[in-house]
Amino acid sequence: MTDIVNVHEAKTHLSKLLARVEGGEEIILARGGEPIAKIVPIPIKREWAGPGAWKGKYDIPDDAFEWSEAELEEMFGSSIFPDDSPGDGAEAS
């Protein structure tokens, strides 16, 4: 609900008006019957939930990060496991 309150009344009852705003109301201030300002509640700042906040709220399948050689070649354009790669026992020359 939005009320229009004149400046003199707002100065007299500021604490009461602020309590109403804290309750979610919006108050329009007027001078000579003309609206000049609006008092609105500030959105509540959400606290950071920290690590693990999403734990148990979603499931990642066990195979979510397992791709076949063909899928990897399609994504990266070539094999990432060449037959003669270093580390497979063959010495690089």
N, C-alpha and C. Protein backbone atom coordinates (compact mmCIF):
# COMPACT_ATOMS: atom_id res chain seq x y z
N MET A 1 0.85 -1.18 0.00
CA MET A 1 0.00 0.00 0.00
C MET A 1 0.90 1.24 0.00
N THR A 2 0.55 2.22 -0.78
CA THR A 2 1.31 3.46 -0.86
C THR A 2 0.47 4.60 -0.34
N ASP A 3 1.00 5.34 0.62
CA ASP A 3 0.32 6.52 1.15
C ASP A 3 1.07 7.77 0.73
N ILE A 4 0.33 8.85 0.57
CA ILE A 4 0.95 10.16 0.31
C ILE A 4 0.88 10.95 1.60
N VAL A 5 2.04 11.42 2.04
CA VAL A 5 2.15 12.14 3.31
C VAL A 5 2.83 13.47 3.04
N ASN A 6 2.29 14.56 3.63
CA ASN A 6 2.94 15.85 3.41
C ASN A 6 4.18 15.95 4.28
N VAL A 7 5.08 16.83 3.90
CA VAL A 7 6.39 16.95 4.54
C VAL A 7 6.26 17.25 6.03
N HIS A 8 5.37 18.15 6.41
CA HIS A 8 5.21 18.51 7.82
C HIS A 8 4.80 17.28 8.63
N GLU A 9 3.84 16.52 8.13
CA GLU A 9 3.39 15.32 8.82
C GLU A 9 4.52 14.28 8.89
N ALA A 10 5.30 14.17 7.82
CA ALA A 10 6.41 13.21 7.78
C ALA A 10 7.46 13.56 8.84
N LYS A 11 7.75 14.88 8.99
CA LYS A 11 8.72 15.28 10.01
C LYS A 11 8.20 14.97 11.41
N THR A 12 6.91 15.14 11.62
CA THR A 12 6.32 14.90 12.93
C THR A 12 6.27 13.41 13.27
N HIS A 13 6.02 12.57 12.25
CA HIS A 13 5.81 11.14 12.49
C HIS A 13 6.84 10.27 11.77
N LEU A 14 8.06 10.76 11.65
CA LEU A 14 9.08 10.05 10.88
C LEU A 14 9.31 8.62 11.38
N SER A 15 9.42 8.44 12.68
CA SER A 15 9.68 7.09 13.22
C SER A 15 8.57 6.12 12.85
N LYS A 16 7.33 6.57 12.94
CA LYS A 16 6.19 5.70 12.59
C LYS A 16 6.20 5.38 11.11
N LEU A 17 6.52 6.37 10.29
CA LEU A 17 6.57 6.14 8.84
C LEU A 17 7.69 5.15 8.49
N LEU A 18 8.84 5.29 9.14
CA LEU A 18 9.95 4.37 8.89
C LEU A 18 9.60 2.95 9.31
N ALA A 19 8.85 2.81 10.39
CA ALA A 19 8.41 1.48 10.82
C ALA A 19 7.51 0.85 9.76
N ARG A 20 6.66 1.66 9.16
CA ARG A 20 5.78 1.15 8.09
C ARG A 20 6.60 0.74 6.87
N VAL A 21 7.61 1.54 6.55
CA VAL A 21 8.48 1.22 5.41
C VAL A 21 9.23 -0.09 5.69
N GLU A 22 9.71 -0.25 6.90
CA GLU A 22 10.38 -1.50 7.26
C GLU A 22 9.45 -2.69 7.11
N GLY A 23 8.15 -2.45 7.26
CA GLY A 23 7.15 -3.50 7.08
C GLY A 23 6.81 -3.76 5.62
N GLY A 24 7.45 -3.03 4.70
CA GLY A 24 7.25 -3.28 3.28
C GLY A 24 6.45 -2.22 2.54
N GLU A 25 5.92 -1.23 3.25
CA GLU A 25 5.13 -0.18 2.59
C GLU A 25 6.03 0.84 1.90
N GLU A 26 5.45 1.56 0.96
CA GLU A 26 6.12 2.69 0.32
C GLU A 26 5.37 3.95 0.70
N ILE A 27 6.09 5.00 1.01
CA ILE A 27 5.49 6.27 1.41
C ILE A 27 5.94 7.34 0.42
N ILE A 28 4.98 8.09 -0.11
CA ILE A 28 5.30 9.20 -1.01
C ILE A 28 5.21 10.48 -0.20
N LEU A 29 6.26 11.29 -0.27
CA LEU A 29 6.27 12.58 0.40
C LEU A 29 5.81 13.65 -0.58
N ALA A 30 4.97 14.54 -0.09
CA ALA A 30 4.43 15.60 -0.94
C ALA A 30 4.63 16.95 -0.28
N ARG A 31 4.81 17.96 -1.14
CA ARG A 31 4.88 19.35 -0.67
C ARG A 31 3.81 20.11 -1.45
N GLY A 32 2.87 20.69 -0.71
CA GLY A 32 1.78 21.42 -1.36
C GLY A 32 0.92 20.49 -2.23
N GLY A 33 0.83 19.23 -1.85
CA GLY A 33 0.01 18.28 -2.59
C GLY A 33 0.71 17.65 -3.79
N GLU A 34 1.92 18.11 -4.11
CA GLU A 34 2.68 17.57 -5.24
C GLU A 34 3.72 16.56 -4.74
N PRO A 35 3.69 15.33 -5.24
CA PRO A 35 4.68 14.34 -4.83
C PRO A 35 6.10 14.80 -5.18
N ILE A 36 7.01 14.63 -4.21
CA ILE A 36 8.40 15.06 -4.45
C ILE A 36 9.41 13.94 -4.17
N ALA A 37 9.02 12.94 -3.40
CA ALA A 37 9.98 11.88 -3.06
C ALA A 37 9.21 10.63 -2.64
N LYS A 38 9.94 9.53 -2.65
CA LYS A 38 9.34 8.26 -2.23
C LYS A 38 10.30 7.58 -1.25
N ILE A 39 9.74 7.10 -0.14
CA ILE A 39 10.52 6.32 0.82
C ILE A 39 10.15 4.86 0.58
N VAL A 40 11.15 4.06 0.24
CA VAL A 40 10.92 2.64 -0.07
C VAL A 40 11.86 1.78 0.77
N PRO A 41 11.44 0.55 1.05
CA PRO A 41 12.35 -0.33 1.79
C PRO A 41 13.55 -0.72 0.95
N ILE A 42 14.69 -0.87 1.60
CA ILE A 42 15.89 -1.35 0.92
C ILE A 42 15.82 -2.87 0.91
N PRO A 43 16.09 -3.49 -0.25
CA PRO A 43 16.05 -4.95 -0.30
C PRO A 43 17.00 -5.56 0.73
N ILE A 44 16.58 -6.65 1.32
CA ILE A 44 17.39 -7.33 2.32
C ILE A 44 18.63 -7.91 1.66
N LYS A 45 19.78 -7.62 2.25
CA LYS A 45 21.03 -8.15 1.72
C LYS A 45 21.14 -9.61 2.13
N ARG A 46 21.35 -10.46 1.16
CA ARG A 46 21.47 -11.88 1.44
C ARG A 46 22.89 -12.19 1.84
N GLU A 47 23.02 -13.00 2.85
CA GLU A 47 24.34 -13.42 3.33
C GLU A 47 24.89 -14.51 2.43
N TRP A 48 26.20 -14.52 2.25
CA TRP A 48 26.84 -15.56 1.48
C TRP A 48 26.73 -16.86 2.26
N ALA A 49 26.30 -17.91 1.60
CA ALA A 49 26.06 -19.18 2.27
C ALA A 49 27.35 -19.95 2.55
N GLY A 50 28.41 -19.68 1.81
CA GLY A 50 29.68 -20.34 2.05
C GLY A 50 29.81 -21.66 1.32
N PRO A 51 30.96 -22.29 1.47
CA PRO A 51 31.21 -23.56 0.80
C PRO A 51 30.22 -24.63 1.26
N GLY A 52 29.80 -25.41 0.32
CA GLY A 52 28.89 -26.51 0.65
C GLY A 52 27.43 -26.12 0.71
N ALA A 53 27.09 -24.90 0.37
CA ALA A 53 25.71 -24.45 0.46
C ALA A 53 24.79 -25.22 -0.47
N TRP A 54 25.31 -25.72 -1.58
CA TRP A 54 24.48 -26.45 -2.55
C TRP A 54 24.54 -27.97 -2.32
N LYS A 55 25.30 -28.40 -1.32
CA LYS A 55 25.45 -29.84 -1.08
C LYS A 55 24.08 -30.49 -0.85
N GLY A 56 23.84 -31.55 -1.61
CA GLY A 56 22.59 -32.28 -1.47
C GLY A 56 21.42 -31.68 -2.22
N LYS A 57 21.63 -30.55 -2.89
CA LYS A 57 20.53 -29.89 -3.59
C LYS A 57 20.54 -30.20 -5.09
N TYR A 58 21.54 -30.89 -5.57
CA TYR A 58 21.61 -31.26 -6.98
C TYR A 58 22.43 -32.53 -7.10
N ASP A 59 22.27 -33.22 -8.21
CA ASP A 59 23.02 -34.45 -8.45
C ASP A 59 23.83 -34.31 -9.73
N ILE A 60 25.08 -34.67 -9.66
CA ILE A 60 25.92 -34.76 -10.86
C ILE A 60 26.13 -36.24 -11.10
N PRO A 61 25.73 -36.73 -12.27
CA PRO A 61 25.91 -38.15 -12.55
C PRO A 61 27.39 -38.54 -12.47
N ASP A 62 27.64 -39.78 -12.07
CA ASP A 62 29.02 -40.26 -11.93
C ASP A 62 29.81 -40.16 -13.24
N ASP A 63 29.12 -40.31 -14.37
CA ASP A 63 29.81 -40.28 -15.66
C ASP A 63 29.76 -38.90 -16.33
N ALA A 64 29.46 -37.85 -15.58
CA ALA A 64 29.29 -36.52 -16.15
C ALA A 64 30.55 -36.03 -16.86
N PHE A 65 31.73 -36.45 -16.41
CA PHE A 65 32.97 -35.97 -16.98
C PHE A 65 33.77 -37.08 -17.66
N GLU A 66 33.08 -38.10 -18.08
CA GLU A 66 33.72 -39.20 -18.79
C GLU A 66 33.25 -39.17 -20.25
N TRP A 67 34.22 -38.94 -21.17
CA TRP A 67 33.89 -38.86 -22.58
C TRP A 67 34.67 -39.92 -23.35
N SER A 68 34.06 -40.36 -24.43
CA SER A 68 34.75 -41.32 -25.29
C SER A 68 35.80 -40.58 -26.13
N GLU A 69 36.72 -41.35 -26.72
CA GLU A 69 37.73 -40.76 -27.59
C GLU A 69 37.07 -39.98 -28.72
N ALA A 70 35.99 -40.51 -29.29
CA ALA A 70 35.30 -39.83 -30.39
C ALA A 70 34.70 -38.50 -29.93
N GLU A 71 34.13 -38.45 -28.73
CA GLU A 71 33.56 -37.21 -28.21
C GLU A 71 34.66 -36.18 -27.96
N LEU A 72 35.80 -36.62 -27.44
CA LEU A 72 36.92 -35.70 -27.22
C LEU A 72 37.45 -35.15 -28.53
N GLU A 73 37.57 -36.00 -29.54
CA GLU A 73 38.03 -35.53 -30.85
C GLU A 73 37.05 -34.52 -31.43
N GLU A 74 35.76 -34.76 -31.24
CA GLU A 74 34.75 -33.82 -31.74
C GLU A 74 34.84 -32.48 -31.02
N MET A 75 35.08 -32.50 -29.71
CA MET A 75 35.16 -31.26 -28.93
C MET A 75 36.44 -30.48 -29.20
N PHE A 76 37.57 -31.19 -29.33
CA PHE A 76 38.86 -30.51 -29.42
C PHE A 76 39.51 -30.58 -30.80
N GLY A 77 38.91 -31.28 -31.73
CA GLY A 77 39.41 -31.30 -33.10
C GLY A 77 40.47 -32.33 -33.39
N SER A 78 41.07 -32.91 -32.38
CA SER A 78 42.06 -33.96 -32.60
C SER A 78 42.15 -34.79 -31.33
N SER A 79 42.80 -35.89 -31.46
CA SER A 79 42.93 -36.77 -30.30
C SER A 79 43.81 -36.13 -29.24
N ILE A 80 43.43 -36.24 -28.01
CA ILE A 80 44.29 -35.74 -26.94
C ILE A 80 45.15 -36.87 -26.38
N PHE A 81 44.98 -38.08 -26.92
CA PHE A 81 45.77 -39.22 -26.52
C PHE A 81 46.46 -39.81 -27.75
N PRO A 82 47.46 -39.11 -28.35
CA PRO A 82 48.13 -39.68 -29.53
C PRO A 82 48.89 -40.95 -29.14
N ASP A 83 49.04 -41.84 -30.12
CA ASP A 83 49.68 -43.14 -29.89
C ASP A 83 51.12 -43.01 -29.43
N ASP A 84 51.84 -41.99 -29.90
CA ASP A 84 53.26 -41.89 -29.57
C ASP A 84 53.55 -40.76 -28.58
N SER A 85 52.63 -40.54 -27.64
CA SER A 85 52.82 -39.45 -26.69
C SER A 85 53.87 -39.82 -25.66
N PRO A 86 54.64 -38.83 -25.19
CA PRO A 86 55.62 -39.09 -24.14
C PRO A 86 54.91 -39.60 -22.89
N GLY A 87 55.59 -40.48 -22.18
CA GLY A 87 55.02 -41.02 -20.96
C GLY A 87 54.40 -42.37 -21.14
N ASP A 88 54.37 -42.88 -22.40
CA ASP A 88 53.80 -44.21 -22.61
C ASP A 88 54.91 -45.26 -22.73
N GLY A 89 56.11 -44.88 -22.33
CA GLY A 89 57.23 -45.82 -22.38
C GLY A 89 58.16 -45.57 -23.55
N ALA A 90 57.69 -44.81 -24.55
CA ALA A 90 58.53 -44.54 -25.71
C ALA A 90 59.31 -43.26 -25.43
N GLU A 91 60.58 -43.29 -25.82
CA GLU A 91 61.42 -42.11 -25.64
C GLU A 91 61.21 -41.15 -26.80
N ALA A 92 61.05 -39.87 -26.50
CA ALA A 92 60.91 -38.86 -27.55
C ALA A 92 62.30 -38.52 -28.06
N SER A 93 62.44 -38.37 -29.38
CA SER A 93 63.75 -38.04 -29.92
C SER A 93 63.85 -36.60 -30.31
